Amino acid sequence: MAGTIPGTPRVLRAMNDRAALDLLLAHGSLSRGRIGKLTGLSKPTASQLLARLEAAGLVIITGTSGGHPGPSAQLYAVNPAAAHVAGLDVTAARIRAAVADITGRTVGEHELPARGRRGGSVVQQVIEAVDGAAKAAGLARSELHRVVIGTPGAFDPGTGRLRYAAHLPGWHSPTLLEELAAALPMPLDYDNDVNLAAIAEQRTGAARDHDDFVLLWNEEGIGAALVLGGRLHRGWTGGAGEVGFMPVPGVPLVRQVARTGGGGFQELAGSHALVRLARELGLKPEPGPDADAVAQLLRRAVSGEEPEDGPYGELLRRLATGVATGLAAMVAVLDPELIVLSGGLHTAGGERLRALVQEELAELAVPRPRLLVGEITEHPVLSGALESALATTRDEVFDTSR
């Protein structure tokens, strides 16, 4: 059967439908007249469009406009129930899941501690997380259109095995992706956690309207996401951006980093290295995960309660120098338009840390990209997983040409 020819009435209608749906997503409820003005369509054509989308279950009437002379106009919005997606943020400590409707509103969340190899299979834990978020949203698992899972490291497209994340127990089986696909009834996608944080920043955060940027993540580990020409660059094995292993000046050269799980940039500006530095400076990090302890020290360093020339200020300056050292190598190769500093440590250091890194980077590198602190500070990986799932699902659900 021949495919639809570009430019036919069906294709043009589908293009107008999608334009109207995107406007409703961006602006919320709109009247027929407003949609007509924004799309350039006549009133009769806009009316036909809205009737078609309403019959397809893609838009609903939300009320009428008021507050002006003349008859009230009906207001239309995207039907939130048209589709739902789920996102998962996986760490060695826990799995956090959320469900969003097609408008992007989060309607259900669930979190469970990662139980390792003794607490049931990874497949069982993923199902429990998905079901928990779906139940919180008042949905069944089968009502979800897509799930996107974010993990440290990356699944090698050639082997299907998770690489660069030895600290994630149970996730390295060569058949894991097949088992998950068999257990869950909806399409599944997988991505690196830092890549998903970059998607969140590009869609709704600091990197809006930017097609070339680097997101540098510093929390439990150091990683980067590379967006080049508007597209994520993942690399041949999915390992693009695993800069925690990148050799940098200031730390010993470590060989066989895949076996040791350390070395490079991580030893200069990572949370465990900063915990050691804090102790050397006479500070006493709180017990618990290194990233949490360092973030607490950094928040105090920028609070205004400590002198800038004291140990807290020195910790902040050392971190800025370490971050800038790694970035200098990256910008020499990539020459990005923008760098977004994300993750718990960068967020804790805030604008003061950003300014120090910018100053140091200007001394260490010829390219001088703009630096911004990430705006998505609450669950950025989970936000990116939902944004990724929504982008694909909207393309599928909003396609009225079929």
Protein backbone atom coordinates (compact mmCIF):
# COMPACT_ATOMS: atom_id res chain seq x y z
CA MET A 1 0.00 0.00 0.00
CA ALA A 2 1.43 3.35 -1.01
CA GLY A 3 2.40 5.72 1.81
CA THR A 4 0.82 9.09 2.34
CA ILE A 5 2.21 11.69 -0.07
CA PRO A 6 3.63 14.82 1.58
CA GLY A 7 1.39 17.83 1.00
CA THR A 8 -1.88 15.91 0.79
CA PRO A 9 -4.86 17.21 2.78
CA ARG A 10 -4.39 14.45 5.37
CA VAL A 11 -0.79 15.45 6.01
CA LEU A 12 -1.66 19.15 6.18
CA ARG A 13 -4.47 18.44 8.63
CA ALA A 14 -2.09 16.38 10.77
CA MET A 15 0.46 19.21 10.76
CA ASN A 16 -2.20 21.71 11.84
CA ASP A 17 -3.44 19.30 14.52
CA ARG A 18 0.04 18.92 15.95
CA ALA A 19 0.66 22.66 15.88
CA ALA A 20 -2.55 23.24 17.84
CA LEU A 21 -1.74 20.53 20.36
CA ASP A 22 1.75 21.96 20.91
CA LEU A 23 0.23 25.40 21.50
CA LEU A 24 -2.17 23.96 24.05
CA LEU A 25 0.71 22.24 25.83
CA ALA A 26 2.68 25.48 25.90
CA HIS A 27 -0.13 27.88 26.83
CA GLY A 28 -2.73 25.78 28.64
CA SER A 29 -6.41 26.37 27.86
CA LEU A 30 -7.08 28.42 24.70
CA SER A 31 -10.19 29.51 22.85
CA ARG A 32 -10.92 28.60 19.24
CA GLY A 33 -10.26 32.19 18.21
CA ARG A 34 -6.91 32.29 19.99
CA ILE A 35 -5.82 29.02 18.42
CA GLY A 36 -6.81 30.38 15.03
CA LYS A 37 -4.72 33.51 15.53
CA LEU A 38 -1.69 31.60 16.79
CA THR A 39 -1.79 29.05 13.97
CA GLY A 40 -2.97 31.40 11.20
CA LEU A 41 -6.02 29.21 10.53
CA SER A 42 -9.46 30.58 9.70
CA LYS A 43 -12.23 30.24 12.30
CA PRO A 44 -14.03 27.49 10.36
CA THR A 45 -10.80 25.54 9.94
CA ALA A 46 -9.92 25.98 13.63
CA SER A 47 -13.41 24.78 14.57
CA GLN A 48 -13.06 21.68 12.40
CA LEU A 49 -9.62 21.03 13.87
CA LEU A 50 -10.87 21.21 17.46
CA ALA A 51 -13.89 19.04 16.68
CA ARG A 52 -11.57 16.46 15.14
CA LEU A 53 -9.20 16.50 18.15
CA GLU A 54 -12.09 16.32 20.59
CA ALA A 55 -13.56 13.31 18.78
CA ALA A 56 -10.13 11.65 18.91
CA GLY A 57 -9.97 12.17 22.68
CA LEU A 58 -6.96 14.49 22.42
CA VAL A 59 -8.58 17.71 23.64
CA ILE A 60 -11.34 18.51 26.11
CA ILE A 61 -13.46 21.56 26.85
CA THR A 62 -12.34 23.07 30.17
CA GLY A 63 -14.81 25.94 30.52
CA THR A 64 -15.50 29.33 29.02
CA SER A 65 -13.62 32.59 28.88
CA GLY A 66 -14.98 35.56 30.79
CA GLY A 67 -14.16 39.05 31.93
CA HIS A 68 -14.81 40.79 28.60
CA PRO A 69 -17.84 42.08 26.67
CA GLY A 70 -19.64 39.75 24.34
CA PRO A 71 -20.45 36.05 24.46
CA SER A 72 -18.07 33.75 26.29
CA ALA A 73 -15.88 31.45 24.24
CA GLN A 74 -15.27 27.80 25.00
CA LEU A 75 -11.78 26.97 26.19
CA TYR A 76 -9.93 23.85 25.04
CA ALA A 77 -6.99 21.99 26.57
CA VAL A 78 -5.04 18.83 25.88
CA ASN A 79 -6.81 15.87 27.45
CA PRO A 80 -4.51 14.74 30.28
CA ALA A 81 -5.87 11.21 30.07
CA ALA A 82 -4.81 10.80 26.44
CA ALA A 83 -1.63 9.00 27.58
CA HIS A 84 0.54 8.39 30.60
CA VAL A 85 4.26 7.61 30.85
CA ALA A 86 6.62 6.52 33.60
CA GLY A 87 10.21 7.40 34.39
CA LEU A 88 12.67 5.63 36.70
CA ASP A 89 15.82 7.01 38.34
CA VAL A 90 18.03 4.14 39.49
CA THR A 91 20.94 4.46 41.92
CA ALA A 92 22.81 1.97 44.08
CA ALA A 93 20.70 3.13 47.05
CA ARG A 94 17.17 3.35 45.65
CA ILE A 95 14.81 3.33 42.69
CA ARG A 96 12.58 6.38 42.31
CA ALA A 97 9.65 6.21 39.89
CA ALA A 98 7.06 8.71 38.69
CA VAL A 99 4.12 8.78 36.29
CA ALA A 100 3.16 11.83 34.23
CA ASP A 101 0.14 12.49 32.07
CA ILE A 102 0.51 13.66 28.47
CA THR A 103 0.59 17.32 29.56
CA GLY A 104 3.73 16.64 31.64
CA ARG A 105 2.06 16.89 35.04
CA THR A 106 3.39 14.34 37.54
CA VAL A 107 0.42 12.39 38.89
CA GLY A 108 2.07 9.57 40.85
CA GLU A 109 5.39 8.82 42.55
CA HIS A 110 6.93 5.87 44.35
CA GLU A 111 10.34 5.12 45.85
CA LEU A 112 11.85 1.93 47.17
CA PRO A 113 15.30 1.09 48.48
CA ALA A 114 17.52 -0.92 46.15
CA ARG A 115 17.84 -4.35 47.71
CA GLY A 116 20.83 -5.72 45.83
CA ARG A 117 21.13 -9.33 44.82
CA ARG A 118 19.51 -10.64 48.01
CA GLY A 119 16.35 -8.58 47.78
CA GLY A 120 14.84 -10.09 44.65
CA SER A 121 15.75 -9.65 41.01
CA VAL A 122 16.22 -6.31 39.33
CA VAL A 123 13.20 -7.12 37.16
CA GLN A 124 11.04 -7.57 40.26
CA GLN A 125 12.29 -4.29 41.74
CA VAL A 126 11.60 -2.39 38.51
CA ILE A 127 8.09 -3.84 38.31
CA GLU A 128 7.46 -2.89 41.95
CA ALA A 129 8.62 0.68 41.30
CA VAL A 130 6.51 1.04 38.14
CA ASP A 131 3.45 -0.47 39.79
CA GLY A 132 3.86 1.73 42.86
CA ALA A 133 3.97 4.93 40.79
CA ALA A 134 1.08 3.76 38.59
CA LYS A 135 -1.04 2.94 41.65
CA ALA A 136 -0.30 6.37 43.12
CA ALA A 137 -1.59 7.84 39.84
CA GLY A 138 -4.74 5.71 39.96
CA LEU A 139 -3.61 3.63 37.00
CA ALA A 140 -2.73 0.05 36.18
CA ARG A 141 0.63 -0.90 34.73
CA SER A 142 -1.03 -1.74 31.40
CA GLU A 143 -2.30 1.84 31.03
CA LEU A 144 1.21 3.27 30.71
CA HIS A 145 2.33 4.05 27.16
CA ARG A 146 6.10 4.06 27.73
CA VAL A 147 8.74 3.73 30.45
CA VAL A 148 12.19 5.34 30.40
CA ILE A 149 14.79 4.05 32.87
CA GLY A 150 17.81 6.13 33.84
CA THR A 151 20.88 4.46 35.37
CA PRO A 152 24.51 5.33 36.00
CA GLY A 153 26.74 4.11 33.19
CA ALA A 154 25.23 3.08 29.87
CA PHE A 155 23.88 -0.01 28.18
CA ASP A 156 26.25 -0.98 25.39
CA PRO A 157 24.14 -1.11 22.20
CA GLY A 158 26.30 -3.92 20.87
CA THR A 159 26.05 -6.28 23.84
CA GLY A 160 23.08 -5.02 25.85
CA ARG A 161 25.19 -5.02 29.01
CA LEU A 162 25.51 -2.14 31.43
CA ARG A 163 28.98 -0.58 31.39
CA TYR A 164 30.72 2.02 33.58
CA ALA A 165 28.53 1.24 36.62
CA ALA A 166 30.14 -1.58 38.59
CA HIS A 167 28.56 -0.21 41.79
CA LEU A 168 25.02 -1.08 40.62
CA PRO A 169 24.44 -4.68 41.79
CA GLY A 170 22.24 -6.95 39.71
CA TRP A 171 22.11 -4.73 36.63
CA HIS A 172 24.88 -6.38 34.60
CA SER A 173 23.18 -9.50 33.28
CA PRO A 174 23.46 -9.78 29.48
CA THR A 175 19.78 -10.81 29.36
CA LEU A 176 18.44 -8.05 31.64
CA LEU A 177 16.96 -5.91 28.88
CA GLU A 178 15.21 -8.92 27.36
CA GLU A 179 13.81 -9.89 30.77
CA LEU A 180 12.51 -6.39 31.43
CA ALA A 181 10.92 -6.20 27.98
CA ALA A 182 9.18 -9.51 28.57
CA ALA A 183 7.92 -8.48 32.02
CA LEU A 184 6.51 -5.07 31.13
CA PRO A 185 3.81 -4.61 28.47
CA MET A 186 4.83 -1.18 27.20
CA PRO A 187 7.86 0.06 25.18
CA LEU A 188 10.98 0.55 27.31
CA ASP A 189 13.87 2.94 26.76
CA TYR A 190 17.12 3.21 28.73
CA ASP A 191 19.53 6.07 29.09
CA ASN A 192 22.42 7.29 31.17
CA ASP A 193 21.31 9.31 34.19
CA VAL A 194 23.39 12.37 33.30
CA ASN A 195 22.04 12.34 29.74
CA LEU A 196 18.53 12.46 31.17
CA ALA A 197 19.46 15.38 33.43
CA ALA A 198 20.65 17.18 30.28
CA ILE A 199 17.34 16.46 28.55
CA ALA A 200 15.52 18.02 31.50
CA GLU A 201 17.72 21.12 31.36
CA GLN A 202 17.31 21.42 27.59
CA ARG A 203 13.51 21.09 27.69
CA THR A 204 12.65 23.18 30.74
CA GLY A 205 15.85 24.41 32.42
CA ALA A 206 19.08 26.35 31.97
CA ALA A 207 19.83 24.98 28.47
CA ARG A 208 16.53 25.97 26.85
CA ASP A 209 17.09 27.08 23.24
CA HIS A 210 20.69 25.77 23.26
CA ASP A 211 21.78 23.14 20.71
CA ASP A 212 25.41 22.87 21.86
CA PHE A 213 26.16 22.44 25.53
CA VAL A 214 27.87 20.25 28.08
CA LEU A 215 26.19 19.30 31.33
CA LEU A 216 28.73 18.45 34.02
CA TRP A 217 27.26 16.37 36.84
CA ASN A 218 28.86 16.03 40.27
CA GLU A 219 27.06 14.07 42.96
CA GLU A 220 27.72 10.42 43.74
CA GLY A 221 30.11 10.48 40.79
CA ILE A 222 31.29 12.82 38.06
CA GLY A 223 29.83 12.53 34.58
CA ALA A 224 28.96 14.66 31.60
CA ALA A 225 26.31 14.82 28.92
CA LEU A 226 27.29 16.14 25.49
CA VAL A 227 24.61 17.80 23.37
CA LEU A 228 25.98 18.60 19.91
CA GLY A 229 23.81 20.07 17.18
CA GLY A 230 20.74 19.54 19.36
CA ARG A 231 21.37 15.81 19.78
CA LEU A 232 22.86 13.82 22.63
CA HIS A 233 26.20 12.30 21.68
CA ARG A 234 26.33 8.85 23.30
CA GLY A 235 29.45 7.38 21.72
CA TRP A 236 30.09 4.00 20.12
CA THR A 237 29.56 1.99 23.33
CA GLY A 238 27.28 4.50 25.06
CA GLY A 239 30.18 5.76 27.16
CA ALA A 240 30.52 9.32 25.87
CA GLY A 241 30.65 11.63 28.88
CA GLU A 242 32.16 9.15 31.36
CA VAL A 243 34.64 11.86 32.29
CA GLY A 244 35.09 10.69 35.88
CA PHE A 245 37.85 8.44 34.53
CA MET A 246 39.47 11.20 32.43
CA PRO A 247 43.17 11.70 33.30
CA VAL A 248 43.76 15.23 34.58
CA PRO A 249 46.71 17.12 36.09
CA GLY A 250 46.89 17.09 39.86
CA VAL A 251 46.22 13.40 40.51
CA PRO A 252 48.34 10.29 39.93
CA LEU A 253 47.91 8.53 36.61
CA VAL A 254 45.85 5.40 37.26
CA ARG A 255 45.96 2.50 34.85
CA GLN A 256 43.26 -0.14 34.38
CA VAL A 257 40.63 2.33 35.60
CA ALA A 258 37.81 -0.04 34.63
CA ARG A 259 39.12 -2.54 37.18
CA THR A 260 39.98 -0.09 39.93
CA GLY A 261 36.78 1.94 39.51
CA GLY A 262 38.65 5.15 40.22
CA GLY A 263 41.33 7.53 39.05
CA GLY A 264 41.30 10.66 36.96
CA PHE A 265 38.88 13.56 37.30
CA GLN A 266 36.96 11.77 40.07
CA GLU A 267 40.05 11.89 42.30
CA LEU A 268 40.38 15.63 41.80
CA ALA A 269 36.83 16.93 42.20
CA GLY A 270 34.69 13.94 43.23
CA SER A 271 32.83 13.76 46.53
CA HIS A 272 35.08 11.19 48.20
CA ALA A 273 38.19 13.23 47.33
CA LEU A 274 36.52 16.33 48.77
CA VAL A 275 35.69 14.49 51.99
CA ARG A 276 39.40 13.73 52.40
CA LEU A 277 40.26 17.35 51.65
CA ALA A 278 37.69 18.60 54.16
CA ARG A 279 39.28 16.51 56.89
CA GLU A 280 42.72 17.82 55.97
CA LEU A 281 41.33 21.36 56.36
CA GLY A 282 40.08 20.54 59.83
CA LEU A 283 36.42 20.26 58.86
CA LYS A 284 34.24 17.41 60.09
CA PRO A 285 31.91 16.08 57.42
CA GLU A 286 28.71 14.52 58.73
CA PRO A 287 28.53 10.72 58.57
CA GLY A 288 26.68 9.27 55.62
CA PRO A 289 27.14 9.32 51.83
CA ASP A 290 30.13 11.41 50.77
CA ALA A 291 28.07 13.49 48.35
CA ASP A 292 25.59 14.47 51.07
CA ALA A 293 28.40 15.33 53.50
CA VAL A 294 30.22 17.51 50.98
CA ALA A 295 27.02 19.24 49.85
CA GLN A 296 26.32 20.20 53.45
CA LEU A 297 29.81 21.70 53.79
CA LEU A 298 29.42 23.61 50.52
CA ARG A 299 26.05 25.03 51.55
CA ARG A 300 27.69 26.32 54.70
CA ALA A 301 30.60 27.74 52.67
CA VAL A 302 28.23 29.90 50.59
CA SER A 303 25.83 30.77 53.42
CA GLY A 304 27.72 33.89 54.46
CA GLU A 305 28.29 32.47 57.93
CA GLU A 306 31.92 31.52 57.28
CA PRO A 307 34.84 33.77 56.24
CA GLU A 308 35.88 33.36 52.63
CA ASP A 309 39.53 32.97 53.65
CA GLY A 310 38.72 30.17 56.12
CA PRO A 311 38.64 26.38 55.58
CA TYR A 312 35.14 26.38 54.08
CA GLY A 313 36.20 28.98 51.52
CA GLU A 314 39.31 26.95 50.75
CA LEU A 315 37.21 23.83 50.16
CA LEU A 316 35.06 25.77 47.72
CA ARG A 317 38.08 27.18 45.87
CA ARG A 318 39.73 23.76 45.62
CA LEU A 319 36.53 22.32 44.17
CA ALA A 320 36.31 25.18 41.65
CA THR A 321 39.91 24.60 40.54
CA GLY A 322 39.33 20.87 40.21
CA VAL A 323 36.12 21.31 38.21
CA ALA A 324 37.75 23.91 35.94
CA THR A 325 40.74 21.61 35.34
CA GLY A 326 38.50 18.87 33.97
CA LEU A 327 36.37 21.31 32.01
CA ALA A 328 39.47 22.82 30.37
CA ALA A 329 40.23 19.49 28.71
CA MET A 330 36.62 19.07 27.62
CA VAL A 331 36.15 22.53 26.11
CA ALA A 332 39.45 22.26 24.24
CA VAL A 333 37.92 19.34 22.31
CA LEU A 334 34.23 20.30 22.18
CA ASP A 335 34.18 24.12 22.26
CA PRO A 336 30.58 24.18 23.53
CA GLU A 337 28.37 27.25 23.61
CA LEU A 338 27.29 26.59 27.19
CA ILE A 339 28.24 24.53 30.24
CA VAL A 340 25.57 23.62 32.78
CA LEU A 341 26.78 22.67 36.27
CA SER A 342 24.37 20.13 37.73
CA GLY A 343 24.22 17.53 40.48
CA GLY A 344 24.13 17.91 44.24
CA LEU A 345 27.61 19.39 44.74
CA HIS A 346 27.28 22.02 42.03
CA THR A 347 23.82 22.94 43.24
CA ALA A 348 25.06 23.28 46.82
CA GLY A 349 27.91 25.58 45.70
CA GLY A 350 25.45 27.61 43.66
CA GLU A 351 26.29 30.91 42.04
CA ARG A 352 29.44 31.45 44.08
CA LEU A 353 30.94 28.16 42.93
CA ARG A 354 29.88 28.89 39.35
CA ALA A 355 31.66 32.24 39.40
CA LEU A 356 34.84 30.67 40.78
CA VAL A 357 34.78 27.93 38.13
CA GLN A 358 34.19 30.50 35.38
CA GLU A 359 37.14 32.54 36.62
CA GLU A 360 39.43 29.52 36.79
CA LEU A 361 38.34 28.20 33.40
CA ALA A 362 39.16 31.54 31.80
CA GLU A 363 42.75 31.03 33.00
CA LEU A 364 43.03 27.41 31.86
CA ALA A 365 41.29 27.24 28.48
CA VAL A 366 41.17 29.25 25.26
CA PRO A 367 37.45 28.66 24.57
CA ARG A 368 35.39 30.49 27.18
CA PRO A 369 31.85 29.14 27.15
CA ARG A 370 29.18 30.57 29.36
CA LEU A 371 28.61 28.69 32.63
CA LEU A 372 25.21 28.34 34.32
CA VAL A 373 24.02 26.43 37.35
CA GLY A 374 21.32 23.90 36.46
CA GLU A 375 17.74 24.99 37.11
CA ILE A 376 16.26 21.49 37.53
CA THR A 377 17.33 20.81 41.11
CA GLU A 378 14.52 18.50 42.24
CA HIS A 379 15.01 15.00 40.84
CA PRO A 380 16.65 16.09 37.54
CA VAL A 381 17.27 12.52 36.32
CA LEU A 382 13.66 11.54 36.92
CA SER A 383 12.48 14.75 35.25
CA GLY A 384 14.60 13.93 32.21
CA ALA A 385 13.26 10.37 32.06
CA LEU A 386 9.69 11.69 32.01
CA GLU A 387 10.56 14.34 29.40
CA SER A 388 12.18 11.70 27.20
CA ALA A 389 9.18 9.39 27.50
CA LEU A 390 6.76 12.24 26.82
CA ALA A 391 8.58 13.38 23.68
CA THR A 392 8.26 9.98 22.02
CA THR A 393 4.76 9.34 23.29
CA ARG A 394 3.45 12.69 22.07
CA ASP A 395 4.83 11.99 18.60
CA GLU A 396 2.90 8.72 18.61
CA VAL A 397 -0.36 9.81 20.25
CA PHE A 398 -0.61 13.20 18.51
CA ASP A 399 -0.09 11.75 15.03
CA THR A 400 -3.55 12.09 13.44
CA SER A 401 -2.39 11.27 9.93
CA ARG A 402 -2.84 7.54 10.43
